Amino acid sequence: DWRGYDESMILYVLALGSPTYPIDAAAWNAF
């Protein structure tokens, strides 16, 4: 999984911002 700082910061921002299929807000701190 995407875990630990790298190029996937934008991935989590987009997944958190989705109006249709958002992931849980806890994902950012878990990442």
Full PDB file with SEQRES, HELIX, SHEET, SSBOND, CRYST1, ORIGX, SCALE, CONECT and MASTER records, all heavy atoms in Angstrom:
SEQRES   1 A   31  ASP TRP ARG GLY TYR ASP GLU SER MET ILE LEU TYR VAL          
SEQRES   2 A   31  LEU ALA LEU GLY SER PRO THR TYR PRO ILE ASP ALA ALA          
SEQRES   3 A   31  ALA TRP ASN ALA PHE                                          
HELIX    1 AA1 MET A    9  GLY A   17  1                                   9    
HELIX    2 AA2 ALA A   26  ALA A   30  1                                   5    
CRYST1    1.000    1.000    1.000  90.00  90.00  90.00 P 1           1          
ORIGX1      1.000000  0.000000  0.000000        0.00000                         
ORIGX2      0.000000  1.000000  0.000000        0.00000                         
ORIGX3      0.000000  0.000000  1.000000        0.00000                         
SCALE1      1.000000  0.000000  0.000000        0.00000                         
SCALE2      0.000000  1.000000  0.000000        0.00000                         
SCALE3      0.000000  0.000000  1.000000        0.00000                         
ATOM      1  N   ASP A   1       0.852  -1.185   0.000  1.00  0.00           N  
ATOM      2  CA  ASP A   1       0.000   0.000   0.000  1.00  0.00           C  
ATOM      3  C   ASP A   1       0.888   1.236   0.000  1.00  0.00           C  
ATOM      4  O   ASP A   1       2.071   1.165   0.354  1.00  0.00           O  
ATOM      5  CB  ASP A   1      -0.890   0.013   1.254  1.00  0.00           C  
ATOM      6  CG  ASP A   1      -1.852  -1.162   1.288  1.00  0.00           C  
ATOM      7  OD1 ASP A   1      -2.574  -1.365   0.286  1.00  0.00           O  
ATOM      8  OD2 ASP A   1      -1.879  -1.873   2.318  1.00  0.00           O  
ATOM      9  N   TRP A   2       0.302   2.357  -0.390  1.00  0.00           N  
ATOM     10  CA  TRP A   2       1.039   3.625  -0.307  1.00  0.00           C  
ATOM     11  C   TRP A   2       1.124   4.020   1.161  1.00  0.00           C  
ATOM     12  O   TRP A   2       0.133   4.441   1.762  1.00  0.00           O  
ATOM     13  CB  TRP A   2       0.357   4.689  -1.153  1.00  0.00           C  
ATOM     14  CG  TRP A   2       0.482   4.412  -2.625  1.00  0.00           C  
ATOM     15  CD1 TRP A   2      -0.494   3.967  -3.463  1.00  0.00           C  
ATOM     16  CD2 TRP A   2       1.667   4.538  -3.418  1.00  0.00           C  
ATOM     17  NE1 TRP A   2       0.009   3.804  -4.734  1.00  0.00           N  
ATOM     18  CE2 TRP A   2       1.329   4.149  -4.737  1.00  0.00           C  
ATOM     19  CE3 TRP A   2       2.973   4.945  -3.156  1.00  0.00           C  
ATOM     20  CZ2 TRP A   2       2.247   4.158  -5.791  1.00  0.00           C  
ATOM     21  CZ3 TRP A   2       3.893   4.951  -4.194  1.00  0.00           C  
ATOM     22  CH2 TRP A   2       3.536   4.564  -5.483  1.00  0.00           C  
ATOM     23  N   ARG A   3       2.318   3.892   1.705  1.00  0.00           N  
ATOM     24  CA  ARG A   3       2.524   4.112   3.139  1.00  0.00           C  
ATOM     25  C   ARG A   3       3.885   4.775   3.329  1.00  0.00           C  
ATOM     26  O   ARG A   3       4.918   4.204   2.985  1.00  0.00           O  
ATOM     27  CB  ARG A   3       2.497   2.759   3.877  1.00  0.00           C  
ATOM     28  CG  ARG A   3       2.682   2.835   5.381  1.00  0.00           C  
ATOM     29  CD  ARG A   3       2.991   1.461   5.954  1.00  0.00           C  
ATOM     30  NE  ARG A   3       1.949   0.480   5.685  1.00  0.00           N  
ATOM     31  CZ  ARG A   3       0.915   0.243   6.498  1.00  0.00           C  
ATOM     32  NH1 ARG A   3       0.814   0.906   7.636  1.00  0.00           N  
ATOM     33  NH2 ARG A   3       0.018  -0.671   6.181  1.00  0.00           N  
ATOM     34  N   GLY A   4       3.909   5.986   3.863  1.00  0.00           N  
ATOM     35  CA  GLY A   4       5.151   6.703   4.076  1.00  0.00           C  
ATOM     36  C   GLY A   4       5.396   7.710   2.968  1.00  0.00           C  
ATOM     37  O   GLY A   4       5.162   7.439   1.792  1.00  0.00           O  
ATOM     38  N   TYR A   5       5.889   8.865   3.326  1.00  0.00           N  
ATOM     39  CA  TYR A   5       6.028  10.004   2.421  1.00  0.00           C  
ATOM     40  C   TYR A   5       6.738   9.646   1.119  1.00  0.00           C  
ATOM     41  O   TYR A   5       7.816   9.061   1.113  1.00  0.00           O  
ATOM     42  CB  TYR A   5       6.803  11.111   3.133  1.00  0.00           C  
ATOM     43  CG  TYR A   5       7.150  12.280   2.249  1.00  0.00           C  
ATOM     44  CD1 TYR A   5       6.168  13.156   1.817  1.00  0.00           C  
ATOM     45  CD2 TYR A   5       8.464  12.510   1.838  1.00  0.00           C  
ATOM     46  CE1 TYR A   5       6.484  14.242   1.009  1.00  0.00           C  
ATOM     47  CE2 TYR A   5       8.784  13.582   1.037  1.00  0.00           C  
ATOM     48  CZ  TYR A   5       7.797  14.449   0.621  1.00  0.00           C  
ATOM     49  OH  TYR A   5       8.121  15.500  -0.184  1.00  0.00           O  
ATOM     50  N   ASP A   6       6.116  10.018   0.014  1.00  0.00           N  
ATOM     51  CA  ASP A   6       6.679   9.826  -1.316  1.00  0.00           C  
ATOM     52  C   ASP A   6       5.830  10.620  -2.306  1.00  0.00           C  
ATOM     53  O   ASP A   6       5.113  11.545  -1.917  1.00  0.00           O  
ATOM     54  CB  ASP A   6       6.746   8.331  -1.686  1.00  0.00           C  
ATOM     55  CG  ASP A   6       5.405   7.615  -1.577  1.00  0.00           C  
ATOM     56  OD1 ASP A   6       4.353   8.292  -1.599  1.00  0.00           O  
ATOM     57  OD2 ASP A   6       5.398   6.377  -1.495  1.00  0.00           O  
ATOM     58  N   GLU A   7       5.866  10.219  -3.581  1.00  0.00           N  
ATOM     59  CA  GLU A   7       5.149  10.961  -4.611  1.00  0.00           C  
ATOM     60  C   GLU A   7       3.639  10.804  -4.537  1.00  0.00           C  
ATOM     61  O   GLU A   7       2.899  11.477  -5.271  1.00  0.00           O  
ATOM     62  CB  GLU A   7       5.632  10.523  -6.000  1.00  0.00           C  
ATOM     63  CG  GLU A   7       5.169   9.152  -6.470  1.00  0.00           C  
ATOM     64  CD  GLU A   7       6.039   8.004  -6.005  1.00  0.00           C  
ATOM     65  OE1 GLU A   7       6.779   8.179  -5.003  1.00  0.00           O  
ATOM     66  OE2 GLU A   7       5.996   6.928  -6.622  1.00  0.00           O  
ATOM     67  N   SER A   8       3.135   9.930  -3.663  1.00  0.00           N  
ATOM     68  CA  SER A   8       1.706   9.644  -3.631  1.00  0.00           C  
ATOM     69  C   SER A   8       0.910  10.612  -2.766  1.00  0.00           C  
ATOM     70  O   SER A   8      -0.283  10.381  -2.529  1.00  0.00           O  
ATOM     71  CB  SER A   8       1.462   8.207  -3.157  1.00  0.00           C  
ATOM     72  OG  SER A   8       1.851   8.047  -1.806  1.00  0.00           O  
ATOM     73  N   MET A   9       1.497  11.701  -2.307  1.00  0.00           N  
ATOM     74  CA  MET A   9       0.720  12.693  -1.550  1.00  0.00           C  
ATOM     75  C   MET A   9      -0.482  13.155  -2.372  1.00  0.00           C  
ATOM     76  O   MET A   9      -1.587  13.297  -1.853  1.00  0.00           O  
ATOM     77  CB  MET A   9       1.588  13.885  -1.174  1.00  0.00           C  
ATOM     78  CG  MET A   9       2.637  13.564  -0.137  1.00  0.00           C  
ATOM     79  SD  MET A   9       2.529  14.576   1.343  1.00  0.00           S  
ATOM     80  CE  MET A   9       3.087  16.139   0.717  1.00  0.00           C  
ATOM     81  N   ILE A  10      -0.274  13.400  -3.658  1.00  0.00           N  
ATOM     82  CA  ILE A  10      -1.386  13.859  -4.495  1.00  0.00           C  
ATOM     83  C   ILE A  10      -2.463  12.790  -4.602  1.00  0.00           C  
ATOM     84  O   ILE A  10      -3.660  13.102  -4.663  1.00  0.00           O  
ATOM     85  CB  ILE A  10      -0.886  14.297  -5.890  1.00  0.00           C  
ATOM     86  CG1 ILE A  10      -2.019  14.981  -6.666  1.00  0.00           C  
ATOM     87  CG2 ILE A  10      -0.281  13.130  -6.669  1.00  0.00           C  
ATOM     88  CD1 ILE A  10      -1.567  15.607  -7.978  1.00  0.00           C  
ATOM     89  N   LEU A  11      -2.072  11.528  -4.588  1.00  0.00           N  
ATOM     90  CA  LEU A  11      -3.049  10.439  -4.624  1.00  0.00           C  
ATOM     91  C   LEU A  11      -3.999  10.541  -3.439  1.00  0.00           C  
ATOM     92  O   LEU A  11      -5.227  10.467  -3.598  1.00  0.00           O  
ATOM     93  CB  LEU A  11      -2.315   9.094  -4.627  1.00  0.00           C  
ATOM     94  CG  LEU A  11      -3.133   7.793  -4.625  1.00  0.00           C  
ATOM     95  CD1 LEU A  11      -2.293   6.659  -5.184  1.00  0.00           C  
ATOM     96  CD2 LEU A  11      -3.611   7.396  -3.217  1.00  0.00           C  
ATOM     97  N   TYR A  12      -3.449  10.711  -2.253  1.00  0.00           N  
ATOM     98  CA  TYR A  12      -4.306  10.771  -1.058  1.00  0.00           C  
ATOM     99  C   TYR A  12      -5.161  12.032  -1.038  1.00  0.00           C  
ATOM    100  O   TYR A  12      -6.322  11.990  -0.604  1.00  0.00           O  
ATOM    101  CB  TYR A  12      -3.452  10.640   0.202  1.00  0.00           C  
ATOM    102  CG  TYR A  12      -3.138   9.201   0.519  1.00  0.00           C  
ATOM    103  CD1 TYR A  12      -1.935   8.620   0.130  1.00  0.00           C  
ATOM    104  CD2 TYR A  12      -4.061   8.393   1.171  1.00  0.00           C  
ATOM    105  CE1 TYR A  12      -1.657   7.285   0.391  1.00  0.00           C  
ATOM    106  CE2 TYR A  12      -3.796   7.052   1.441  1.00  0.00           C  
ATOM    107  CZ  TYR A  12      -2.597   6.507   1.050  1.00  0.00           C  
ATOM    108  OH  TYR A  12      -2.341   5.167   1.300  1.00  0.00           O  
ATOM    109  N   VAL A  13      -4.640  13.149  -1.505  1.00  0.00           N  
ATOM    110  CA  VAL A  13      -5.454  14.370  -1.580  1.00  0.00           C  
ATOM    111  C   VAL A  13      -6.637  14.152  -2.513  1.00  0.00           C  
ATOM    112  O   VAL A  13      -7.781  14.515  -2.208  1.00  0.00           O  
ATOM    113  CB  VAL A  13      -4.600  15.570  -2.038  1.00  0.00           C  
ATOM    114  CG1 VAL A  13      -5.480  16.782  -2.340  1.00  0.00           C  
ATOM    115  CG2 VAL A  13      -3.574  15.935  -0.974  1.00  0.00           C  
ATOM    116  N   LEU A  14      -6.396  13.539  -3.674  1.00  0.00           N  
ATOM    117  CA  LEU A  14      -7.471  13.287  -4.627  1.00  0.00           C  
ATOM    118  C   LEU A  14      -8.480  12.277  -4.087  1.00  0.00           C  
ATOM    119  O   LEU A  14      -9.692  12.433  -4.272  1.00  0.00           O  
ATOM    120  CB  LEU A  14      -6.880  12.784  -5.942  1.00  0.00           C  
ATOM    121  CG  LEU A  14      -6.041  13.789  -6.733  1.00  0.00           C  
ATOM    122  CD1 LEU A  14      -5.367  13.108  -7.913  1.00  0.00           C  
ATOM    123  CD2 LEU A  14      -6.898  14.958  -7.218  1.00  0.00           C  
ATOM    124  N   ALA A  15      -7.986  11.228  -3.437  1.00  0.00           N  
ATOM    125  CA  ALA A  15      -8.891  10.209  -2.898  1.00  0.00           C  
ATOM    126  C   ALA A  15      -9.738  10.770  -1.759  1.00  0.00           C  
ATOM    127  O   ALA A  15     -10.920  10.429  -1.618  1.00  0.00           O  
ATOM    128  CB  ALA A  15      -8.089   8.996  -2.426  1.00  0.00           C  
ATOM    129  N   LEU A  16      -9.149  11.625  -0.950  1.00  0.00           N  
ATOM    130  CA  LEU A  16      -9.892  12.249   0.143  1.00  0.00           C  
ATOM    131  C   LEU A  16     -10.909  13.254  -0.379  1.00  0.00           C  
ATOM    132  O   LEU A  16     -11.971  13.457   0.219  1.00  0.00           O  
ATOM    133  CB  LEU A  16      -8.927  12.947   1.103  1.00  0.00           C  
ATOM    134  CG  LEU A  16      -8.085  12.034   1.991  1.00  0.00           C  
ATOM    135  CD1 LEU A  16      -6.917  12.796   2.599  1.00  0.00           C  
ATOM    136  CD2 LEU A  16      -8.944  11.429   3.100  1.00  0.00           C  
ATOM    137  N   GLY A  17     -10.590  13.895  -1.499  1.00  0.00           N  
ATOM    138  CA  GLY A  17     -11.462  14.942  -2.020  1.00  0.00           C  
ATOM    139  C   GLY A  17     -12.579  14.442  -2.906  1.00  0.00           C  
ATOM    140  O   GLY A  17     -13.429  15.232  -3.327  1.00  0.00           O  
ATOM    141  N   SER A  18     -12.610  13.157  -3.219  1.00  0.00           N  
ATOM    142  CA  SER A  18     -13.608  12.635  -4.140  1.00  0.00           C  
ATOM    143  C   SER A  18     -15.027  12.883  -3.636  1.00  0.00           C  
ATOM    144  O   SER A  18     -15.349  12.551  -2.492  1.00  0.00           O  
ATOM    145  CB  SER A  18     -13.400  11.131  -4.339  1.00  0.00           C  
ATOM    146  OG  SER A  18     -14.464  10.578  -5.088  1.00  0.00           O  
ATOM    147  N   PRO A  19     -15.898  13.441  -4.473  1.00  0.00           N  
ATOM    148  CA  PRO A  19     -17.299  13.610  -4.071  1.00  0.00           C  
ATOM    149  C   PRO A  19     -18.127  12.349  -4.261  1.00  0.00           C  
ATOM    150  O   PRO A  19     -19.270  12.288  -3.810  1.00  0.00           O  
ATOM    151  CB  PRO A  19     -17.785  14.727  -5.002  1.00  0.00           C  
ATOM    152  CG  PRO A  19     -16.947  14.591  -6.219  1.00  0.00           C  
ATOM    153  CD  PRO A  19     -15.609  14.067  -5.778  1.00  0.00           C  
ATOM    154  N   THR A  20     -17.567  11.332  -4.894  1.00  0.00           N  
ATOM    155  CA  THR A  20     -18.309  10.108  -5.198  1.00  0.00           C  
ATOM    156  C   THR A  20     -17.819   8.882  -4.430  1.00  0.00           C  
ATOM    157  O   THR A  20     -18.621   8.088  -3.946  1.00  0.00           O  
ATOM    158  CB  THR A  20     -18.236   9.822  -6.711  1.00  0.00           C  
ATOM    159  OG1 THR A  20     -16.872   9.959  -7.146  1.00  0.00           O  
ATOM    160  CG2 THR A  20     -19.121  10.778  -7.491  1.00  0.00           C  
ATOM    161  N   TYR A  21     -16.493   8.707  -4.348  1.00  0.00           N  
ATOM    162  CA  TYR A  21     -15.923   7.523  -3.693  1.00  0.00           C  
ATOM    163  C   TYR A  21     -14.796   7.938  -2.744  1.00  0.00           C  
ATOM    164  O   TYR A  21     -13.664   7.465  -2.870  1.00  0.00           O  
ATOM    165  CB  TYR A  21     -15.376   6.541  -4.726  1.00  0.00           C  
ATOM    166  CG  TYR A  21     -16.388   6.061  -5.732  1.00  0.00           C  
ATOM    167  CD1 TYR A  21     -16.423   6.611  -7.016  1.00  0.00           C  
ATOM    168  CD2 TYR A  21     -17.302   5.052  -5.414  1.00  0.00           C  
ATOM    169  CE1 TYR A  21     -17.341   6.155  -7.960  1.00  0.00           C  
ATOM    170  CE2 TYR A  21     -18.222   4.591  -6.348  1.00  0.00           C  
ATOM    171  CZ  TYR A  21     -18.238   5.159  -7.616  1.00  0.00           C  
ATOM    172  OH  TYR A  21     -19.144   4.709  -8.544  1.00  0.00           O  
ATOM    173  N   PRO A  22     -15.061   8.797  -1.761  1.00  0.00           N  
ATOM    174  CA  PRO A  22     -13.974   9.266  -0.896  1.00  0.00           C  
ATOM    175  C   PRO A  22     -13.495   8.185   0.054  1.00  0.00           C  
ATOM    176  O   PRO A  22     -14.266   7.321   0.480  1.00  0.00           O  
ATOM    177  CB  PRO A  22     -14.625  10.419  -0.130  1.00  0.00           C  
ATOM    178  CG  PRO A  22     -16.080  10.050  -0.073  1.00  0.00           C  
ATOM    179  CD  PRO A  22     -16.374   9.373  -1.383  1.00  0.00           C  
ATOM    180  N   ILE A  23     -12.203   8.240   0.358  1.00  0.00           N  
ATOM    181  CA  ILE A  23     -11.659   7.351   1.376  1.00  0.00           C  
ATOM    182  C   ILE A  23     -11.794   8.023   2.735  1.00  0.00           C  
ATOM    183  O   ILE A  23     -12.066   9.232   2.831  1.00  0.00           O  
ATOM    184  CB  ILE A  23     -10.192   6.985   1.083  1.00  0.00           C  
ATOM    185  CG1 ILE A  23      -9.289   8.222   1.138  1.00  0.00           C  
ATOM    186  CG2 ILE A  23     -10.086   6.295  -0.265  1.00  0.00           C  
ATOM    187  CD1 ILE A  23      -7.800   7.919   0.982  1.00  0.00           C  
ATOM    188  N   ASP A  24     -11.596   7.258   3.785  1.00  0.00           N  
ATOM    189  CA  ASP A  24     -11.755   7.786   5.143  1.00  0.00           C  
ATOM    190  C   ASP A  24     -10.677   8.815   5.454  1.00  0.00           C  
ATOM    191  O   ASP A  24      -9.516   8.663   5.039  1.00  0.00           O  
ATOM    192  CB  ASP A  24     -11.679   6.637   6.150  1.00  0.00           C  
ATOM    193  CG  ASP A  24     -12.126   7.065   7.538  1.00  0.00           C  
ATOM    194  OD1 ASP A  24     -11.278   7.603   8.278  1.00  0.00           O  
ATOM    195  OD2 ASP A  24     -13.314   6.865   7.864  1.00  0.00           O  
ATOM    196  N   ALA A  25     -11.034   9.841   6.205  1.00  0.00           N  
ATOM    197  CA  ALA A  25     -10.082  10.900   6.548  1.00  0.00           C  
ATOM    198  C   ALA A  25      -8.890  10.368   7.331  1.00  0.00           C  
ATOM    199  O   ALA A  25      -7.820  10.985   7.329  1.00  0.00           O  
ATOM    200  CB  ALA A  25     -10.789  12.006   7.344  1.00  0.00           C  
ATOM    201  N   ALA A  26      -9.052   9.227   7.995  1.00  0.00           N  
ATOM    202  CA  ALA A  26      -7.947   8.638   8.757  1.00  0.00           C  
ATOM    203  C   ALA A  26      -6.808   8.194   7.852  1.00  0.00           C  
ATOM    204  O   ALA A  26      -5.694   7.941   8.324  1.00  0.00           O  
ATOM    205  CB  ALA A  26      -8.451   7.450   9.569  1.00  0.00           C  
ATOM    206  N   ALA A  27      -7.049   8.099   6.542  1.00  0.00           N  
ATOM    207  CA  ALA A  27      -6.025   7.604   5.620  1.00  0.00           C  
ATOM    208  C   ALA A  27      -4.800   8.502   5.595  1.00  0.00           C  
ATOM    209  O   ALA A  27      -3.669   8.020   5.463  1.00  0.00           O  
ATOM    210  CB  ALA A  27      -6.610   7.479   4.213  1.00  0.00           C  
ATOM    211  N   TRP A  28      -4.998   9.815   5.723  1.00  0.00           N  
ATOM    212  CA  TRP A  28      -3.856  10.729   5.609  1.00  0.00           C  
ATOM    213  C   TRP A  28      -2.830  10.479   6.711  1.00  0.00           C  
ATOM    214  O   TRP A  28      -1.635  10.333   6.441  1.00  0.00           O  
ATOM    215  CB  TRP A  28      -4.323  12.177   5.633  1.00  0.00           C  
ATOM    216  CG  TRP A  28      -3.207  13.152   5.406  1.00  0.00           C  
ATOM    217  CD1 TRP A  28      -2.508  13.842   6.353  1.00  0.00           C  
ATOM    218  CD2 TRP A  28      -2.630  13.527   4.145  1.00  0.00           C  
ATOM    219  NE1 TRP A  28      -1.542  14.633   5.769  1.00  0.00           N  
ATOM    220  CE2 TRP A  28      -1.598  14.456   4.416  1.00  0.00           C  
ATOM    221  CE3 TRP A  28      -2.886  13.174   2.821  1.00  0.00           C  
ATOM    222  CZ2 TRP A  28      -0.821  15.025   3.398  1.00  0.00           C  
ATOM    223  CZ3 TRP A  28      -2.130  13.739   1.814  1.00  0.00           C  
ATOM    224  CH2 TRP A  28      -1.101  14.650   2.113  1.00  0.00           C  
ATOM    225  N   ASN A  29      -3.274  10.419   7.946  1.00  0.00           N  
ATOM    226  CA  ASN A  29      -2.336  10.187   9.043  1.00  0.00           C  
ATOM    227  C   ASN A  29      -1.801   8.757   9.029  1.00  0.00           C  
ATOM    228  O   ASN A  29      -0.662   8.513   9.432  1.00  0.00           O  
ATOM    229  CB  ASN A  29      -2.994  10.510  10.382  1.00  0.00           C  
ATOM    230  CG  ASN A  29      -3.156  12.011  10.595  1.00  0.00           C  
ATOM    231  OD1 ASN A  29      -2.458  12.813   9.973  1.00  0.00           O  
ATOM    232  ND2 ASN A  29      -4.088  12.398  11.460  1.00  0.00           N  
ATOM    233  N   ALA A  30      -2.604   7.806   8.541  1.00  0.00           N  
ATOM    234  CA  ALA A  30      -2.109   6.436   8.409  1.00  0.00           C  
ATOM    235  C   ALA A  30      -0.991   6.372   7.373  1.00  0.00           C  
ATOM    236  O   ALA A  30       0.011   5.662   7.556  1.00  0.00           O  
ATOM    237  CB  ALA A  30      -3.254   5.508   8.016  1.00  0.00           C  
ATOM    238  N   PHE A  31      -1.147   7.107   6.281  1.00  0.00           N  
ATOM    239  CA  PHE A  31      -0.118   7.182   5.239  1.00  0.00           C  
ATOM    240  C   PHE A  31       1.181   7.742   5.807  1.00  0.00           C  
ATOM    241  O   PHE A  31       2.276   7.256   5.495  1.00  0.00           O  
ATOM    242  CB  PHE A  31      -0.655   8.051   4.098  1.00  0.00           C  
ATOM    243  CG  PHE A  31       0.383   8.554   3.134  1.00  0.00           C  
ATOM    244  CD1 PHE A  31       1.175   7.677   2.418  1.00  0.00           C  
ATOM    245  CD2 PHE A  31       0.547   9.914   2.917  1.00  0.00           C  
ATOM    246  CE1 PHE A  31       2.121   8.147   1.498  1.00  0.00           C  
ATOM    247  CE2 PHE A  31       1.484  10.389   2.016  1.00  0.00           C  
ATOM    248  CZ  PHE A  31       2.281   9.506   1.307  1.00  0.00           C  
TER     249      PHE A  31                                                      
MASTER        0    0    0    2    0    0    0    6  248    1    0    3          
END                                                                             
